[in-house]
Amino acid sequence: VVGRGNTLYKPHYPELLFKHLKEGNPFVTFGCIADVCADTLYQWLNTHPEFKDARKRGELHCLKKHIQDLERGSKQKNFKPACKIFLMKSMFGKYGFNAGANNTGAVEQQPYDDFDV
C-alpha cells in the first residue's frame, strides 16, 4: 500500500503522456511507460490536473495523427481502411466516429465516457 506522500506519479509524466499520445498511442498504454495499471492512470487524472490537461491536449493530437494516416492511406493503391476505421472508432468514438442512426433516420452521437479501447 502506498503511504501518504509516497506516490508513483512523477512530475515529468504529463510531458511524457503528451508525447505518447501525440505518437498515436492510446491513453492506457502509457501505463507501460509509467509501469502502472490503468486504474492508477485514471486516479492520476483525478488528482493531478496537469496530467489530465496533458491527456486532453494529447488525445487531440492523437486524433489528428490517425486522421492524417487515414487520408494518406486512402491515396494508396489497394488501400483497405477497415482496420484503421475500427481503431479510430474504438479510440475516438466521442468525437463522432461512432455515430449511429436512430429510428427517425437522423444520426445521433453514441455516448462514450472515454477514448480507450
N, C-alpha and C. Protein backbone atom coordinates (compact mmCIF):
# COMPACT_ATOMS: atom_id res chain seq x y z
N VAL A 1 0.85 -1.17 0.00
CA VAL A 1 0.00 0.00 0.00
C VAL A 1 0.89 1.23 0.00
N VAL A 2 0.58 2.15 -0.88
CA VAL A 2 1.35 3.38 -0.97
C VAL A 2 0.91 4.31 0.13
N GLY A 3 1.84 4.78 0.94
CA GLY A 3 1.53 5.68 2.04
C GLY A 3 1.39 7.12 1.59
N ARG A 4 0.90 7.94 2.48
CA ARG A 4 0.72 9.37 2.21
C ARG A 4 2.08 9.99 1.88
N GLY A 5 2.11 10.78 0.81
CA GLY A 5 3.35 11.43 0.40
C GLY A 5 4.24 10.55 -0.47
N ASN A 6 3.96 9.28 -0.52
CA ASN A 6 4.74 8.35 -1.33
C ASN A 6 3.88 7.99 -2.54
N THR A 7 4.30 8.41 -3.73
CA THR A 7 3.48 8.18 -4.91
C THR A 7 4.32 7.69 -6.07
N LEU A 8 3.69 6.98 -6.96
CA LEU A 8 4.36 6.51 -8.17
C LEU A 8 4.38 7.60 -9.24
N TYR A 9 3.56 8.63 -9.04
CA TYR A 9 3.46 9.73 -10.01
C TYR A 9 4.73 10.58 -9.98
N LYS A 10 5.21 10.93 -11.18
CA LYS A 10 6.41 11.76 -11.32
C LYS A 10 6.06 13.05 -12.06
N PRO A 11 6.69 14.16 -11.69
CA PRO A 11 6.36 15.45 -12.29
C PRO A 11 6.52 15.51 -13.82
N HIS A 12 7.38 14.68 -14.38
CA HIS A 12 7.60 14.72 -15.83
C HIS A 12 6.57 13.87 -16.61
N TYR A 13 5.67 13.19 -15.93
CA TYR A 13 4.71 12.34 -16.61
C TYR A 13 3.76 13.10 -17.55
N PRO A 14 3.31 14.30 -17.22
CA PRO A 14 2.42 14.98 -18.19
C PRO A 14 3.08 15.16 -19.56
N GLU A 15 4.34 15.55 -19.57
CA GLU A 15 5.02 15.74 -20.85
C GLU A 15 5.22 14.40 -21.57
N LEU A 16 5.58 13.36 -20.83
CA LEU A 16 5.72 12.04 -21.44
C LEU A 16 4.38 11.54 -21.99
N LEU A 17 3.31 11.77 -21.25
CA LEU A 17 1.99 11.36 -21.70
C LEU A 17 1.61 12.08 -22.98
N PHE A 18 1.85 13.39 -23.01
CA PHE A 18 1.53 14.18 -24.20
C PHE A 18 2.26 13.61 -25.43
N LYS A 19 3.54 13.35 -25.29
CA LYS A 19 4.33 12.79 -26.40
C LYS A 19 3.82 11.42 -26.80
N HIS A 20 3.49 10.60 -25.82
CA HIS A 20 2.97 9.25 -26.06
C HIS A 20 1.68 9.31 -26.90
N LEU A 21 0.78 10.19 -26.51
CA LEU A 21 -0.49 10.33 -27.24
C LEU A 21 -0.27 10.94 -28.61
N LYS A 22 0.61 11.91 -28.70
CA LYS A 22 0.87 12.58 -29.98
C LYS A 22 1.42 11.58 -31.02
N GLU A 23 2.06 10.54 -30.56
CA GLU A 23 2.57 9.49 -31.46
C GLU A 23 1.46 8.57 -31.95
N GLY A 24 0.24 8.74 -31.39
CA GLY A 24 -0.90 7.93 -31.84
C GLY A 24 -1.25 6.78 -30.92
N ASN A 25 -0.64 6.72 -29.75
CA ASN A 25 -0.88 5.63 -28.81
C ASN A 25 -2.09 5.89 -27.93
N PRO A 26 -2.82 4.85 -27.53
CA PRO A 26 -3.94 5.02 -26.61
C PRO A 26 -3.47 5.42 -25.21
N PHE A 27 -4.34 6.09 -24.50
CA PHE A 27 -4.03 6.56 -23.15
C PHE A 27 -3.57 5.44 -22.23
N VAL A 28 -4.31 4.34 -22.19
CA VAL A 28 -4.00 3.29 -21.21
C VAL A 28 -2.63 2.65 -21.43
N THR A 29 -2.09 2.71 -22.64
CA THR A 29 -0.78 2.11 -22.86
C THR A 29 0.34 2.95 -22.25
N PHE A 30 0.01 4.15 -21.77
CA PHE A 30 1.01 4.92 -21.02
C PHE A 30 1.37 4.19 -19.73
N GLY A 31 0.51 3.32 -19.28
CA GLY A 31 0.80 2.51 -18.10
C GLY A 31 2.06 1.67 -18.29
N CYS A 32 2.37 1.30 -19.51
CA CYS A 32 3.60 0.55 -19.79
C CYS A 32 4.83 1.41 -19.55
N ILE A 33 4.74 2.69 -19.86
CA ILE A 33 5.86 3.61 -19.66
C ILE A 33 6.05 3.91 -18.18
N ALA A 34 4.93 4.19 -17.48
CA ALA A 34 4.99 4.52 -16.07
C ALA A 34 5.05 3.28 -15.18
N ASP A 35 4.86 2.12 -15.78
CA ASP A 35 4.85 0.84 -15.08
C ASP A 35 3.78 0.80 -13.99
N VAL A 36 2.56 1.21 -14.40
CA VAL A 36 1.40 1.19 -13.51
C VAL A 36 0.20 0.63 -14.28
N CYS A 37 -0.84 0.27 -13.53
CA CYS A 37 -2.05 -0.24 -14.18
C CYS A 37 -2.96 0.91 -14.61
N ALA A 38 -3.95 0.59 -15.41
CA ALA A 38 -4.88 1.59 -15.92
C ALA A 38 -5.62 2.30 -14.79
N ASP A 39 -5.96 1.58 -13.73
CA ASP A 39 -6.65 2.20 -12.60
C ASP A 39 -5.83 3.35 -12.01
N THR A 40 -4.54 3.16 -11.94
CA THR A 40 -3.65 4.20 -11.41
C THR A 40 -3.65 5.42 -12.34
N LEU A 41 -3.62 5.17 -13.64
CA LEU A 41 -3.66 6.29 -14.59
C LEU A 41 -4.93 7.10 -14.41
N TYR A 42 -6.06 6.43 -14.27
CA TYR A 42 -7.33 7.14 -14.09
C TYR A 42 -7.36 7.89 -12.75
N GLN A 43 -6.74 7.33 -11.76
CA GLN A 43 -6.65 8.00 -10.46
C GLN A 43 -5.81 9.29 -10.60
N TRP A 44 -4.73 9.22 -11.36
CA TRP A 44 -3.90 10.40 -11.58
C TRP A 44 -4.67 11.50 -12.29
N LEU A 45 -5.58 11.14 -13.17
CA LEU A 45 -6.40 12.16 -13.85
C LEU A 45 -7.20 12.97 -12.83
N ASN A 46 -7.64 12.31 -11.77
CA ASN A 46 -8.44 12.99 -10.75
C ASN A 46 -7.60 13.76 -9.74
N THR A 47 -6.35 13.38 -9.57
CA THR A 47 -5.53 14.01 -8.53
C THR A 47 -4.44 14.93 -9.06
N HIS A 48 -4.19 14.91 -10.37
CA HIS A 48 -3.13 15.74 -10.96
C HIS A 48 -3.69 16.47 -12.18
N PRO A 49 -4.13 17.72 -12.01
CA PRO A 49 -4.73 18.48 -13.12
C PRO A 49 -3.83 18.60 -14.34
N GLU A 50 -2.52 18.70 -14.12
CA GLU A 50 -1.59 18.82 -15.25
C GLU A 50 -1.55 17.53 -16.07
N PHE A 51 -1.76 16.40 -15.43
CA PHE A 51 -1.81 15.12 -16.13
C PHE A 51 -3.09 15.03 -16.96
N LYS A 52 -4.18 15.46 -16.38
CA LYS A 52 -5.46 15.48 -17.08
C LYS A 52 -5.40 16.41 -18.30
N ASP A 53 -4.79 17.58 -18.12
CA ASP A 53 -4.64 18.52 -19.24
C ASP A 53 -3.78 17.93 -20.35
N ALA A 54 -2.70 17.26 -19.97
CA ALA A 54 -1.82 16.63 -20.97
C ALA A 54 -2.59 15.59 -21.76
N ARG A 55 -3.47 14.87 -21.10
CA ARG A 55 -4.28 13.86 -21.80
C ARG A 55 -5.22 14.53 -22.80
N LYS A 56 -5.90 15.57 -22.36
CA LYS A 56 -6.84 16.26 -23.26
C LYS A 56 -6.13 16.81 -24.49
N ARG A 57 -5.01 17.46 -24.28
CA ARG A 57 -4.26 18.02 -25.41
C ARG A 57 -3.68 16.91 -26.29
N GLY A 58 -3.13 15.90 -25.66
CA GLY A 58 -2.50 14.81 -26.40
C GLY A 58 -3.47 14.01 -27.23
N GLU A 59 -4.68 13.79 -26.73
CA GLU A 59 -5.65 13.00 -27.48
C GLU A 59 -6.13 13.72 -28.73
N LEU A 60 -6.14 15.05 -28.70
CA LEU A 60 -6.47 15.78 -29.93
C LEU A 60 -5.39 15.58 -30.98
N HIS A 61 -4.14 15.61 -30.56
CA HIS A 61 -3.04 15.35 -31.50
C HIS A 61 -3.08 13.90 -31.99
N CYS A 62 -3.45 12.99 -31.11
CA CYS A 62 -3.58 11.58 -31.47
C CYS A 62 -4.66 11.42 -32.55
N LEU A 63 -5.78 12.05 -32.35
CA LEU A 63 -6.86 12.02 -33.32
C LEU A 63 -6.40 12.57 -34.67
N LYS A 64 -5.72 13.71 -34.63
CA LYS A 64 -5.21 14.33 -35.86
C LYS A 64 -4.27 13.38 -36.60
N LYS A 65 -3.38 12.72 -35.86
CA LYS A 65 -2.44 11.79 -36.49
C LYS A 65 -3.16 10.65 -37.19
N HIS A 66 -4.18 10.08 -36.53
CA HIS A 66 -4.90 8.97 -37.14
C HIS A 66 -5.72 9.41 -38.35
N ILE A 67 -6.26 10.61 -38.32
CA ILE A 67 -6.98 11.14 -39.49
C ILE A 67 -6.01 11.33 -40.64
N GLN A 68 -4.84 11.89 -40.36
CA GLN A 68 -3.83 12.07 -41.41
C GLN A 68 -3.37 10.74 -41.98
N ASP A 69 -3.18 9.75 -41.12
CA ASP A 69 -2.81 8.40 -41.59
C ASP A 69 -3.87 7.83 -42.52
N LEU A 70 -5.13 8.03 -42.15
CA LEU A 70 -6.24 7.53 -42.96
C LEU A 70 -6.29 8.25 -44.30
N GLU A 71 -6.07 9.57 -44.29
CA GLU A 71 -6.06 10.32 -45.53
C GLU A 71 -4.91 9.90 -46.44
N ARG A 72 -3.72 9.72 -45.87
CA ARG A 72 -2.58 9.26 -46.67
C ARG A 72 -2.83 7.87 -47.23
N GLY A 73 -3.36 6.99 -46.40
CA GLY A 73 -3.64 5.63 -46.84
C GLY A 73 -4.65 5.57 -47.96
N SER A 74 -5.64 6.47 -47.92
CA SER A 74 -6.68 6.44 -48.95
C SER A 74 -6.15 6.77 -50.33
N LYS A 75 -4.97 7.34 -50.40
CA LYS A 75 -4.35 7.67 -51.69
C LYS A 75 -3.50 6.53 -52.24
N GLN A 76 -3.35 5.48 -51.43
CA GLN A 76 -2.55 4.33 -51.84
C GLN A 76 -3.40 3.33 -52.61
N LYS A 77 -2.77 2.68 -53.58
CA LYS A 77 -3.45 1.64 -54.33
C LYS A 77 -3.76 0.46 -53.41
N ASN A 78 -4.93 -0.11 -53.57
CA ASN A 78 -5.38 -1.26 -52.78
C ASN A 78 -5.50 -0.97 -51.29
N PHE A 79 -5.76 0.27 -50.93
CA PHE A 79 -5.91 0.64 -49.52
C PHE A 79 -7.19 0.04 -48.96
N LYS A 80 -7.08 -0.63 -47.82
CA LYS A 80 -8.23 -1.22 -47.13
C LYS A 80 -8.35 -0.55 -45.77
N PRO A 81 -9.28 0.39 -45.63
CA PRO A 81 -9.34 1.22 -44.43
C PRO A 81 -10.01 0.59 -43.22
N ALA A 82 -10.56 -0.60 -43.32
CA ALA A 82 -11.38 -1.17 -42.24
C ALA A 82 -10.66 -1.19 -40.89
N CYS A 83 -9.42 -1.65 -40.85
CA CYS A 83 -8.70 -1.73 -39.57
C CYS A 83 -8.49 -0.35 -38.97
N LYS A 84 -8.10 0.60 -39.79
CA LYS A 84 -7.86 1.96 -39.28
C LYS A 84 -9.16 2.58 -38.79
N ILE A 85 -10.23 2.38 -39.51
CA ILE A 85 -11.53 2.92 -39.11
C ILE A 85 -11.98 2.29 -37.79
N PHE A 86 -11.80 0.98 -37.65
CA PHE A 86 -12.16 0.31 -36.41
C PHE A 86 -11.35 0.88 -35.24
N LEU A 87 -10.06 1.06 -35.44
CA LEU A 87 -9.21 1.62 -34.40
C LEU A 87 -9.69 3.01 -34.01
N MET A 88 -10.00 3.83 -34.99
CA MET A 88 -10.45 5.19 -34.71
C MET A 88 -11.80 5.21 -34.00
N LYS A 89 -12.70 4.33 -34.40
CA LYS A 89 -13.99 4.26 -33.72
C LYS A 89 -13.82 3.82 -32.27
N SER A 90 -12.89 2.92 -32.04
CA SER A 90 -12.64 2.44 -30.69
C SER A 90 -11.99 3.50 -29.81
N MET A 91 -11.06 4.23 -30.38
CA MET A 91 -10.32 5.22 -29.60
C MET A 91 -11.03 6.57 -29.49
N PHE A 92 -11.77 6.95 -30.52
CA PHE A 92 -12.28 8.32 -30.60
C PHE A 92 -13.79 8.39 -30.81
N GLY A 93 -14.54 7.42 -30.31
CA GLY A 93 -15.98 7.40 -30.51
C GLY A 93 -16.68 8.67 -30.09
N LYS A 94 -16.21 9.33 -29.05
CA LYS A 94 -16.89 10.53 -28.57
C LYS A 94 -16.77 11.71 -29.54
N TYR A 95 -15.89 11.62 -30.52
CA TYR A 95 -15.74 12.68 -31.50
C TYR A 95 -16.56 12.45 -32.77
N GLY A 96 -17.46 11.48 -32.73
CA GLY A 96 -18.36 11.31 -33.86
C GLY A 96 -18.04 10.14 -34.76
N PHE A 97 -16.98 9.40 -34.49
CA PHE A 97 -16.66 8.26 -35.34
C PHE A 97 -17.53 7.06 -35.03
N ASN A 98 -18.33 7.17 -33.98
CA ASN A 98 -19.18 6.05 -33.59
C ASN A 98 -20.65 6.47 -33.64
N ALA A 99 -20.98 7.30 -34.60
CA ALA A 99 -22.36 7.78 -34.73
C ALA A 99 -23.24 6.66 -35.28
N GLY A 100 -24.51 6.65 -34.89
CA GLY A 100 -25.45 5.65 -35.38
C GLY A 100 -26.78 6.31 -35.72
N ALA A 101 -27.55 5.69 -36.54
CA ALA A 101 -28.84 6.26 -36.93
C ALA A 101 -29.90 5.83 -35.93
N ASN A 102 -30.74 6.77 -35.52
CA ASN A 102 -31.86 6.41 -34.65
C ASN A 102 -33.05 6.04 -35.52
N ASN A 103 -34.18 5.74 -34.93
CA ASN A 103 -35.32 5.24 -35.70
C ASN A 103 -35.97 6.30 -36.60
N THR A 104 -35.57 7.57 -36.48
CA THR A 104 -36.09 8.61 -37.36
C THR A 104 -35.21 8.78 -38.59
N GLY A 105 -34.09 8.10 -38.60
CA GLY A 105 -33.15 8.23 -39.70
C GLY A 105 -32.09 9.29 -39.45
N ALA A 106 -32.27 10.10 -38.42
CA ALA A 106 -31.27 11.11 -38.09
C ALA A 106 -30.09 10.43 -37.39
N VAL A 107 -28.93 10.98 -37.58
CA VAL A 107 -27.73 10.43 -36.96
C VAL A 107 -27.53 11.09 -35.61
N GLU A 108 -27.29 10.29 -34.60
CA GLU A 108 -27.03 10.84 -33.27
C GLU A 108 -25.76 10.22 -32.71
N GLN A 109 -25.08 10.99 -31.88
CA GLN A 109 -23.83 10.53 -31.26
C GLN A 109 -24.12 9.49 -30.19
N GLN A 110 -23.38 8.38 -30.21
CA GLN A 110 -23.49 7.37 -29.18
C GLN A 110 -22.67 7.83 -27.97
N PRO A 111 -23.14 7.59 -26.77
CA PRO A 111 -22.40 8.05 -25.59
C PRO A 111 -21.11 7.26 -25.37
N TYR A 112 -20.06 7.98 -25.07
CA TYR A 112 -18.77 7.40 -24.73
C TYR A 112 -18.20 8.18 -23.58
N ASP A 113 -17.71 7.52 -22.59
CA ASP A 113 -17.09 8.18 -21.46
C ASP A 113 -15.60 8.34 -21.66
N ASP A 114 -15.03 7.53 -22.55
CA ASP A 114 -13.58 7.50 -22.67
C ASP A 114 -13.19 7.16 -24.09
N PHE A 115 -11.91 7.35 -24.40
CA PHE A 115 -11.40 7.04 -25.73
C PHE A 115 -10.82 5.64 -25.80
N ASP A 116 -10.59 5.04 -24.68
CA ASP A 116 -9.76 3.84 -24.63
C ASP A 116 -10.42 2.62 -25.21
N VAL A 117 -9.57 1.76 -25.74
CA VAL A 117 -10.00 0.51 -26.32
C VAL A 117 -10.31 -0.46 -25.22
